[in-house]
């Protein structure tokens, strides 16, 4: 169970974890298979990090542009709707 928990903590999918568990139990495995899975996972994580950083940047910009007052104009909602930013903010 510790193996599965650690793999899941590192973000491996259920399928990847099952594959890794099988490889871990197979003492005749080639470590290259394990490395390929880990390397592919690193690439997926790096892509996700880039996407998350882009989301943070966009939301920070929208939040900065929002006056957060009693007016209905809201650049955050405009961005979500895909409409041009409201005037007068």
N, C-alpha and C. Protein backbone atom coordinates (compact mmCIF):
# COMPACT_ATOMS: atom_id res chain seq x y z
N UNK A 1 0.82 -1.20 0.00
CA UNK A 1 0.00 0.00 0.00
C UNK A 1 0.86 1.27 0.00
N UNK A 2 2.00 1.23 0.65
CA UNK A 2 2.88 2.39 0.70
C UNK A 2 3.32 2.79 -0.71
N UNK A 3 3.61 1.77 -1.53
CA UNK A 3 4.04 2.02 -2.92
C UNK A 3 2.95 2.78 -3.67
N UNK A 4 1.72 2.29 -3.57
CA UNK A 4 0.59 2.91 -4.27
C UNK A 4 0.37 4.33 -3.77
N UNK A 5 0.40 4.52 -2.47
CA UNK A 5 0.19 5.85 -1.90
C UNK A 5 1.26 6.83 -2.38
N UNK A 6 2.51 6.39 -2.39
CA UNK A 6 3.59 7.26 -2.84
C UNK A 6 3.45 7.61 -4.32
N UNK A 7 3.11 6.61 -5.13
CA UNK A 7 2.92 6.86 -6.56
C UNK A 7 1.78 7.85 -6.79
N UNK A 8 0.71 7.71 -6.06
CA UNK A 8 -0.43 8.62 -6.21
C UNK A 8 -0.06 10.02 -5.72
N UNK A 9 0.74 10.10 -4.65
CA UNK A 9 1.20 11.39 -4.15
C UNK A 9 2.03 12.12 -5.20
N UNK A 10 2.77 11.37 -6.00
CA UNK A 10 3.57 11.97 -7.06
C UNK A 10 2.76 12.24 -8.33
N UNK A 11 1.47 11.96 -8.27
CA UNK A 11 0.58 12.32 -9.37
C UNK A 11 0.43 11.28 -10.46
N UNK A 12 0.95 10.10 -10.25
CA UNK A 12 0.75 9.05 -11.25
C UNK A 12 -0.72 8.64 -11.25
N UNK A 13 -1.25 8.37 -12.44
CA UNK A 13 -2.63 7.93 -12.56
C UNK A 13 -2.78 6.52 -11.98
N UNK A 14 -4.00 6.09 -11.83
CA UNK A 14 -4.26 4.73 -11.35
C UNK A 14 -3.63 3.71 -12.30
N UNK A 15 -3.78 3.96 -13.60
CA UNK A 15 -3.23 3.05 -14.60
C UNK A 15 -1.70 3.02 -14.54
N UNK A 16 -1.09 4.20 -14.44
CA UNK A 16 0.37 4.28 -14.34
C UNK A 16 0.85 3.60 -13.06
N UNK A 17 0.13 3.81 -11.98
CA UNK A 17 0.50 3.20 -10.71
C UNK A 17 0.43 1.68 -10.81
N UNK A 18 -0.62 1.17 -11.45
CA UNK A 18 -0.74 -0.28 -11.62
C UNK A 18 0.42 -0.82 -12.46
N UNK A 19 0.79 -0.11 -13.52
CA UNK A 19 1.91 -0.52 -14.35
C UNK A 19 3.21 -0.51 -13.55
N UNK A 20 3.43 0.57 -12.81
CA UNK A 20 4.64 0.67 -12.00
C UNK A 20 4.69 -0.41 -10.92
N UNK A 21 3.55 -0.70 -10.33
CA UNK A 21 3.49 -1.75 -9.31
C UNK A 21 3.86 -3.10 -9.93
N UNK A 22 3.33 -3.36 -11.11
CA UNK A 22 3.68 -4.59 -11.81
C UNK A 22 5.16 -4.66 -12.11
N UNK A 23 5.73 -3.55 -12.53
CA UNK A 23 7.17 -3.51 -12.82
C UNK A 23 7.99 -3.68 -11.54
N UNK A 24 7.53 -3.08 -10.45
CA UNK A 24 8.21 -3.20 -9.17
C UNK A 24 8.26 -4.66 -8.71
N UNK A 25 7.15 -5.37 -8.95
CA UNK A 25 7.07 -6.77 -8.54
C UNK A 25 7.83 -7.70 -9.48
N UNK A 26 8.10 -7.24 -10.70
CA UNK A 26 8.81 -8.04 -11.69
C UNK A 26 10.31 -7.78 -11.56
N UNK A 27 10.99 -8.68 -10.90
CA UNK A 27 12.43 -8.49 -10.65
C UNK A 27 13.27 -8.63 -11.92
N UNK A 28 12.67 -9.11 -13.03
CA UNK A 28 13.41 -9.21 -14.29
C UNK A 28 13.13 -8.04 -15.22
N UNK A 29 12.48 -7.03 -14.69
CA UNK A 29 12.11 -5.85 -15.50
C UNK A 29 13.35 -5.11 -15.99
N UNK A 30 13.15 -4.36 -17.02
CA UNK A 30 14.19 -3.43 -17.48
C UNK A 30 13.90 -2.08 -16.84
N UNK A 31 14.88 -1.47 -16.22
CA UNK A 31 14.65 -0.18 -15.58
C UNK A 31 14.29 0.89 -16.60
N UNK A 32 14.63 0.65 -17.87
CA UNK A 32 14.29 1.61 -18.92
C UNK A 32 12.78 1.82 -19.02
N UNK A 33 12.01 0.76 -18.79
CA UNK A 33 10.54 0.89 -18.83
C UNK A 33 10.06 1.84 -17.74
N UNK A 34 10.62 1.67 -16.56
CA UNK A 34 10.25 2.52 -15.43
C UNK A 34 10.64 3.96 -15.71
N UNK A 35 11.84 4.14 -16.22
CA UNK A 35 12.31 5.49 -16.53
C UNK A 35 11.45 6.14 -17.59
N UNK A 36 11.03 5.39 -18.61
CA UNK A 36 10.15 5.94 -19.65
C UNK A 36 8.84 6.45 -19.06
N UNK A 37 8.27 5.68 -18.15
CA UNK A 37 7.01 6.09 -17.52
C UNK A 37 7.24 7.36 -16.69
N UNK A 38 8.32 7.37 -15.92
CA UNK A 38 8.62 8.54 -15.07
C UNK A 38 8.90 9.77 -15.93
N UNK A 39 9.65 9.59 -17.01
CA UNK A 39 9.99 10.72 -17.88
C UNK A 39 8.74 11.28 -18.56
N UNK A 40 7.86 10.42 -19.01
CA UNK A 40 6.61 10.88 -19.62
C UNK A 40 5.77 11.63 -18.59
N UNK A 41 5.77 11.14 -17.36
CA UNK A 41 5.01 11.79 -16.30
C UNK A 41 5.59 13.17 -15.97
N UNK A 42 6.91 13.27 -15.98
CA UNK A 42 7.55 14.57 -15.75
C UNK A 42 7.11 15.56 -16.82
N UNK A 43 7.09 15.13 -18.07
CA UNK A 43 6.64 16.01 -19.15
C UNK A 43 5.21 16.47 -18.96
N UNK A 44 4.34 15.54 -18.55
CA UNK A 44 2.94 15.89 -18.30
C UNK A 44 2.82 16.88 -17.14
N UNK A 45 3.62 16.67 -16.09
CA UNK A 45 3.59 17.59 -14.96
C UNK A 45 4.09 18.97 -15.35
N UNK A 46 5.15 19.03 -16.16
CA UNK A 46 5.67 20.32 -16.59
C UNK A 46 4.65 21.06 -17.45
N UNK A 47 3.95 20.34 -18.30
CA UNK A 47 2.89 20.96 -19.10
C UNK A 47 1.79 21.50 -18.20
N UNK A 48 1.40 20.71 -17.22
CA UNK A 48 0.35 21.14 -16.28
C UNK A 48 0.80 22.36 -15.49
N UNK A 49 2.05 22.38 -15.06
CA UNK A 49 2.58 23.54 -14.32
C UNK A 49 2.51 24.79 -15.19
N UNK A 50 2.90 24.68 -16.45
CA UNK A 50 2.85 25.82 -17.37
C UNK A 50 1.41 26.31 -17.53
N UNK A 51 0.49 25.36 -17.69
CA UNK A 51 -0.92 25.73 -17.83
C UNK A 51 -1.44 26.41 -16.57
N UNK A 52 -1.08 25.88 -15.40
CA UNK A 52 -1.52 26.48 -14.14
C UNK A 52 -0.93 27.88 -13.94
N UNK A 53 0.34 28.06 -14.32
CA UNK A 53 0.96 29.38 -14.21
C UNK A 53 0.25 30.39 -15.11
N UNK A 54 -0.15 29.94 -16.29
CA UNK A 54 -0.89 30.81 -17.21
C UNK A 54 -2.25 31.19 -16.62
N UNK A 55 -2.91 30.22 -16.00
CA UNK A 55 -4.21 30.50 -15.36
C UNK A 55 -4.05 31.52 -14.25
N UNK A 56 -3.02 31.35 -13.43
CA UNK A 56 -2.78 32.29 -12.32
C UNK A 56 -2.53 33.69 -12.88
N UNK A 57 -1.71 33.80 -13.91
CA UNK A 57 -1.41 35.10 -14.51
C UNK A 57 -2.68 35.77 -15.02
N UNK A 58 -3.50 35.02 -15.73
CA UNK A 58 -4.75 35.56 -16.27
C UNK A 58 -5.68 36.01 -15.16
N UNK A 59 -5.83 35.18 -14.14
CA UNK A 59 -6.73 35.53 -13.04
C UNK A 59 -6.19 36.71 -12.22
N UNK A 60 -4.89 36.77 -12.03
CA UNK A 60 -4.32 37.93 -11.32
C UNK A 60 -4.59 39.22 -12.08
N UNK A 61 -4.41 39.16 -13.40
CA UNK A 61 -4.67 40.34 -14.22
C UNK A 61 -6.14 40.75 -14.13
N UNK A 62 -7.03 39.79 -14.28
CA UNK A 62 -8.47 40.11 -14.20
C UNK A 62 -8.85 40.65 -12.83
N UNK A 63 -8.31 40.04 -11.78
CA UNK A 63 -8.61 40.50 -10.42
C UNK A 63 -8.06 41.90 -10.19
N UNK A 64 -6.88 42.18 -10.74
CA UNK A 64 -6.29 43.51 -10.61
C UNK A 64 -7.15 44.56 -11.33
N UNK A 65 -7.71 44.20 -12.46
CA UNK A 65 -8.52 45.13 -13.25
C UNK A 65 -9.92 45.32 -12.68
N UNK A 66 -10.33 44.43 -11.80
CA UNK A 66 -11.68 44.51 -11.22
C UNK A 66 -11.66 45.48 -10.04
N UNK A 67 -12.55 46.47 -10.08
CA UNK A 67 -12.57 47.45 -8.99
C UNK A 67 -13.16 46.85 -7.72
N UNK A 68 -13.90 45.78 -7.82
CA UNK A 68 -14.44 45.13 -6.63
C UNK A 68 -15.37 46.01 -5.82
N UNK A 69 -16.10 46.88 -6.51
CA UNK A 69 -17.01 47.77 -5.79
C UNK A 69 -18.46 47.38 -6.07
N UNK A 70 -19.35 48.33 -5.94
CA UNK A 70 -20.78 48.06 -6.11
C UNK A 70 -21.22 48.10 -7.57
N UNK A 71 -20.32 48.52 -8.47
CA UNK A 71 -20.69 48.59 -9.89
C UNK A 71 -20.77 47.18 -10.47
N UNK A 72 -21.61 46.98 -11.49
CA UNK A 72 -21.76 45.64 -12.07
C UNK A 72 -20.63 45.26 -13.03
N UNK A 73 -19.85 46.25 -13.50
CA UNK A 73 -18.77 45.94 -14.44
C UNK A 73 -17.75 45.02 -13.77
N UNK A 74 -17.41 43.92 -14.44
CA UNK A 74 -16.47 42.98 -13.84
C UNK A 74 -15.61 42.32 -14.92
N UNK A 75 -14.34 42.70 -15.00
CA UNK A 75 -13.46 42.10 -15.99
C UNK A 75 -13.26 40.60 -15.80
N UNK A 76 -13.45 40.11 -14.60
CA UNK A 76 -13.32 38.67 -14.36
C UNK A 76 -14.43 37.94 -15.11
N UNK A 77 -15.66 38.41 -14.94
CA UNK A 77 -16.79 37.79 -15.63
C UNK A 77 -16.70 38.01 -17.14
N UNK A 78 -16.22 39.20 -17.55
CA UNK A 78 -16.04 39.46 -18.98
C UNK A 78 -15.06 38.46 -19.59
N UNK A 79 -13.97 38.20 -18.90
CA UNK A 79 -12.99 37.25 -19.40
C UNK A 79 -13.59 35.85 -19.49
N UNK A 80 -14.33 35.44 -18.46
CA UNK A 80 -14.95 34.12 -18.49
C UNK A 80 -15.94 33.99 -19.63
N UNK A 81 -16.64 35.09 -19.92
CA UNK A 81 -17.62 35.08 -21.02
C UNK A 81 -16.97 35.27 -22.37
N UNK A 82 -15.70 35.64 -22.39
CA UNK A 82 -15.01 35.87 -23.65
C UNK A 82 -15.41 37.16 -24.33
N UNK A 83 -15.83 38.14 -23.52
CA UNK A 83 -16.22 39.43 -24.07
C UNK A 83 -15.16 40.46 -23.74
N UNK A 84 -15.10 41.56 -24.52
CA UNK A 84 -14.14 42.63 -24.22
C UNK A 84 -14.36 43.17 -22.81
N UNK A 85 -13.29 43.63 -22.20
CA UNK A 85 -13.36 44.18 -20.84
C UNK A 85 -14.32 45.35 -20.78
N UNK A 86 -15.02 45.45 -19.66
CA UNK A 86 -15.95 46.55 -19.45
C UNK A 86 -15.21 47.86 -19.37
N UNK A 87 -15.83 48.94 -19.80
CA UNK A 87 -15.24 50.27 -19.72
C UNK A 87 -15.42 50.83 -18.30
N UNK A 88 -14.53 51.70 -17.95
CA UNK A 88 -14.68 52.45 -16.70
C UNK A 88 -14.26 51.69 -15.46
N UNK A 89 -13.27 50.81 -15.57
CA UNK A 89 -12.81 50.11 -14.37
C UNK A 89 -11.43 50.53 -14.02
